[in-house]
Protein backbone atom coordinates (compact mmCIF):
# COMPACT_ATOMS: atom_id res chain seq x y z
CA UNK A 1 0.00 0.00 0.00
CA UNK A 2 2.90 2.39 0.64
CA UNK A 3 4.18 2.07 -2.91
CA UNK A 4 0.65 2.57 -4.25
CA UNK A 5 0.16 5.70 -2.14
CA UNK A 6 3.49 7.14 -3.32
CA UNK A 7 2.75 6.40 -6.97
CA UNK A 8 -0.71 7.94 -6.68
CA UNK A 9 0.73 11.07 -5.05
CA UNK A 10 3.37 11.33 -7.78
CA UNK A 11 0.71 10.99 -10.47
CA UNK A 12 -1.58 13.60 -8.92
CA UNK A 13 1.10 16.24 -8.49
CA UNK A 14 1.97 15.86 -12.18
CA UNK A 15 -1.66 15.98 -13.34
CA UNK A 16 -3.55 19.14 -14.16
CA UNK A 17 -6.98 17.55 -13.67
CA UNK A 18 -8.21 14.85 -11.33
CA UNK A 19 -11.60 13.14 -11.59
CA UNK A 20 -13.55 12.91 -8.33
CA UNK A 21 -16.78 11.12 -7.55
CA UNK A 22 -18.89 10.50 -4.52
CA UNK A 23 -17.93 7.46 -2.50
CA UNK A 24 -19.54 4.37 -4.06
CA UNK A 25 -21.00 6.55 -6.85
CA UNK A 26 -21.33 3.49 -9.07
CA UNK A 27 -23.27 1.52 -6.46
CA UNK A 28 -26.41 3.61 -5.75
CA UNK A 29 -28.38 0.70 -4.32
CA UNK A 30 -25.74 0.40 -1.61
CA UNK A 31 -25.69 4.12 -0.73
CA UNK A 32 -29.46 4.61 -0.95
CA UNK A 33 -28.86 8.18 -2.12
CA UNK A 34 -26.48 9.10 0.70
CA UNK A 35 -23.61 11.31 -0.48
CA UNK A 36 -20.18 10.90 1.07
CA UNK A 37 -16.77 12.25 0.18
CA UNK A 38 -14.23 9.79 -1.10
CA UNK A 39 -10.51 10.05 -0.38
CA UNK A 40 -9.93 11.21 -3.96
CA UNK A 41 -11.14 14.73 -3.05
CA UNK A 42 -8.49 15.08 -0.36
CA UNK A 43 -5.76 13.43 -2.43
CA UNK A 44 -6.42 15.47 -5.56
CA UNK A 45 -6.64 18.80 -3.75
CA UNK A 46 -3.48 18.15 -1.75
CA UNK A 47 -1.63 17.30 -4.96
CA UNK A 48 -2.65 20.60 -6.53
CA UNK A 49 -4.84 19.10 -9.22
CA UNK A 50 -8.04 20.73 -10.44
CA UNK A 51 -10.83 18.50 -9.20
CA UNK A 52 -13.48 17.75 -11.82
CA UNK A 53 -16.58 15.71 -11.04
CA UNK A 54 -19.28 15.38 -8.42
CA UNK A 55 -19.91 18.29 -6.07
CA UNK A 56 -21.51 16.72 -3.01
CA UNK A 57 -24.25 18.69 -1.32
CA UNK A 58 -23.25 17.71 2.19
CA UNK A 59 -22.25 19.58 5.31
CA UNK A 60 -18.89 17.80 5.31
CA UNK A 61 -18.10 18.89 1.76
CA UNK A 62 -19.02 22.51 2.45
CA UNK A 63 -16.99 22.49 5.66
CA UNK A 64 -13.87 20.84 4.24
CA UNK A 65 -14.02 22.08 0.63
CA UNK A 66 -15.92 25.33 1.04
CA UNK A 67 -13.68 27.45 -1.18
CA UNK A 68 -14.46 28.64 -4.69
CA UNK A 69 -13.75 26.17 -7.49
CA UNK A 70 -12.81 23.40 -5.05
CA UNK A 71 -14.50 21.07 -7.54
CA UNK A 72 -15.49 21.90 -11.11
CA UNK A 73 -18.93 20.31 -11.54
CA UNK A 74 -19.29 17.44 -13.97
CA UNK A 75 -21.91 14.74 -13.35
CA UNK A 76 -20.60 11.19 -13.70
CA UNK A 77 -22.87 10.54 -16.69
CA UNK A 78 -21.90 13.74 -18.52
CA UNK A 79 -20.62 13.82 -22.07
CA UNK A 80 -19.29 17.36 -21.56
CA UNK A 81 -15.83 16.58 -20.20
CA UNK A 82 -14.03 17.91 -23.27
CA UNK A 83 -15.99 21.18 -23.14
CA UNK A 84 -15.25 21.60 -19.42
CA UNK A 85 -11.54 20.87 -19.87
CA UNK A 86 -11.33 23.17 -22.93
CA UNK A 87 -12.95 26.01 -20.99
CA UNK A 88 -10.49 25.54 -18.14
CA UNK A 89 -7.52 25.29 -20.48
CA UNK A 90 -8.57 28.60 -22.03
CA UNK A 91 -8.13 30.30 -18.65
CA UNK A 92 -4.63 29.43 -17.35
CA UNK A 93 -4.79 32.12 -14.66
CA UNK A 94 -7.89 30.49 -13.18
CA UNK A 95 -6.29 27.05 -13.40
CA UNK A 96 -3.20 28.24 -11.54
CA UNK A 97 -5.37 29.88 -8.87
CA UNK A 98 -7.45 26.71 -8.42
CA UNK A 99 -4.36 24.53 -8.13
CA UNK A 100 -2.67 26.75 -5.56
CA UNK A 101 -5.88 27.30 -3.61
CA UNK A 102 -6.43 23.54 -3.39
CA UNK A 103 -2.92 23.02 -2.01
CA UNK A 104 -3.15 25.94 0.43
CA UNK A 105 -6.50 24.80 1.79
CA UNK A 106 -5.26 21.23 2.10
CA UNK A 107 -2.29 22.44 4.14
CA UNK A 108 -4.59 24.50 6.37
CA UNK A 109 -7.40 21.98 6.80
CA UNK A 110 -6.58 18.39 5.90
CA UNK A 111 -3.33 17.32 7.49
CA UNK A 112 -3.73 14.56 10.07
CA UNK A 113 -2.50 16.94 12.79
CA UNK A 114 -5.81 18.83 12.64
CA UNK A 115 -7.87 15.67 13.10
CA UNK A 116 -5.65 14.55 15.96
CA UNK A 117 -6.04 17.98 17.58
CA UNK A 118 -9.82 17.49 17.44
CA UNK A 119 -9.52 14.14 19.17
CA UNK A 120 -7.31 15.57 21.92
CA UNK A 121 -9.62 18.54 22.37
CA UNK A 122 -12.65 16.26 22.68
CA UNK A 123 -11.06 14.47 25.62
CA UNK A 124 -9.68 17.63 27.20
CA UNK A 125 -6.01 17.11 26.40
CA UNK A 126 -3.65 19.80 25.11
CA UNK A 127 -1.79 19.60 21.84
CA UNK A 128 1.81 18.45 22.01
CA UNK A 129 4.72 20.70 21.12
CA UNK A 130 5.37 18.54 18.06
CA UNK A 131 1.80 19.14 16.90
CA UNK A 132 2.19 22.87 17.34
CA UNK A 133 5.47 22.81 15.36
CA UNK A 134 3.82 20.85 12.57
CA UNK A 135 0.89 23.29 12.45
CA UNK A 136 3.32 26.22 12.25
CA UNK A 137 5.29 24.53 9.46
CA UNK A 138 2.08 23.82 7.52
CA UNK A 139 0.91 27.38 8.06
CA UNK A 140 4.24 28.80 6.89
CA UNK A 141 4.17 26.64 3.77
CA UNK A 142 0.56 27.58 3.02
CA UNK A 143 1.40 31.26 3.52
CA UNK A 144 4.35 31.06 1.12
CA UNK A 145 2.11 29.55 -1.57
CA UNK A 146 -0.75 31.91 -0.77
CA UNK A 147 1.51 34.93 -1.39
CA UNK A 148 2.02 33.78 -4.98
CA UNK A 149 -1.72 34.18 -5.71
CA UNK A 150 -2.38 37.88 -6.40
CA UNK A 151 -5.29 39.20 -4.33
CA UNK A 152 -6.89 40.60 -7.49
CA UNK A 153 -7.13 37.06 -8.90
CA UNK A 154 -8.74 35.78 -5.73
CA UNK A 155 -11.29 38.61 -5.66
CA UNK A 156 -12.01 38.52 -9.39
CA UNK A 157 -12.49 34.80 -9.79
CA UNK A 158 -15.91 33.44 -10.54
CA UNK A 159 -17.47 30.08 -11.19
CA UNK A 160 -18.39 29.30 -14.82
């Protein structure tokens, strides 16, 4: 599994686009209409890819991926993938902003240290010094990437 995870991470960071679907999207009788995020959302965003696919209408999605263009909508049965990709390719500034925003938000929201901090908080325990160092390092890295996205691009961006 370690080799698989490393190969997947290498592939994502070299990919411009990454297809995402709801967990068990191809097995609706098993989900009974329930929408859940799959790991692909987290993996693709962390790798800096532009996520294309299902946009779940769930509290978890809005909480964890509540930034603009976190996922470019494309239903799993759509025949419009080439039109969506062409439109994105025609706007390289938007693509760069989406990629960087996905990485920055992943650094600020999705590292395991944040989940572990929630667990410790729930049982009334403080964070360790190592956790605080990791959070600072993630914050510094996110800030360095964030500075490369001009504020005018962030304010002027809009969904298609």
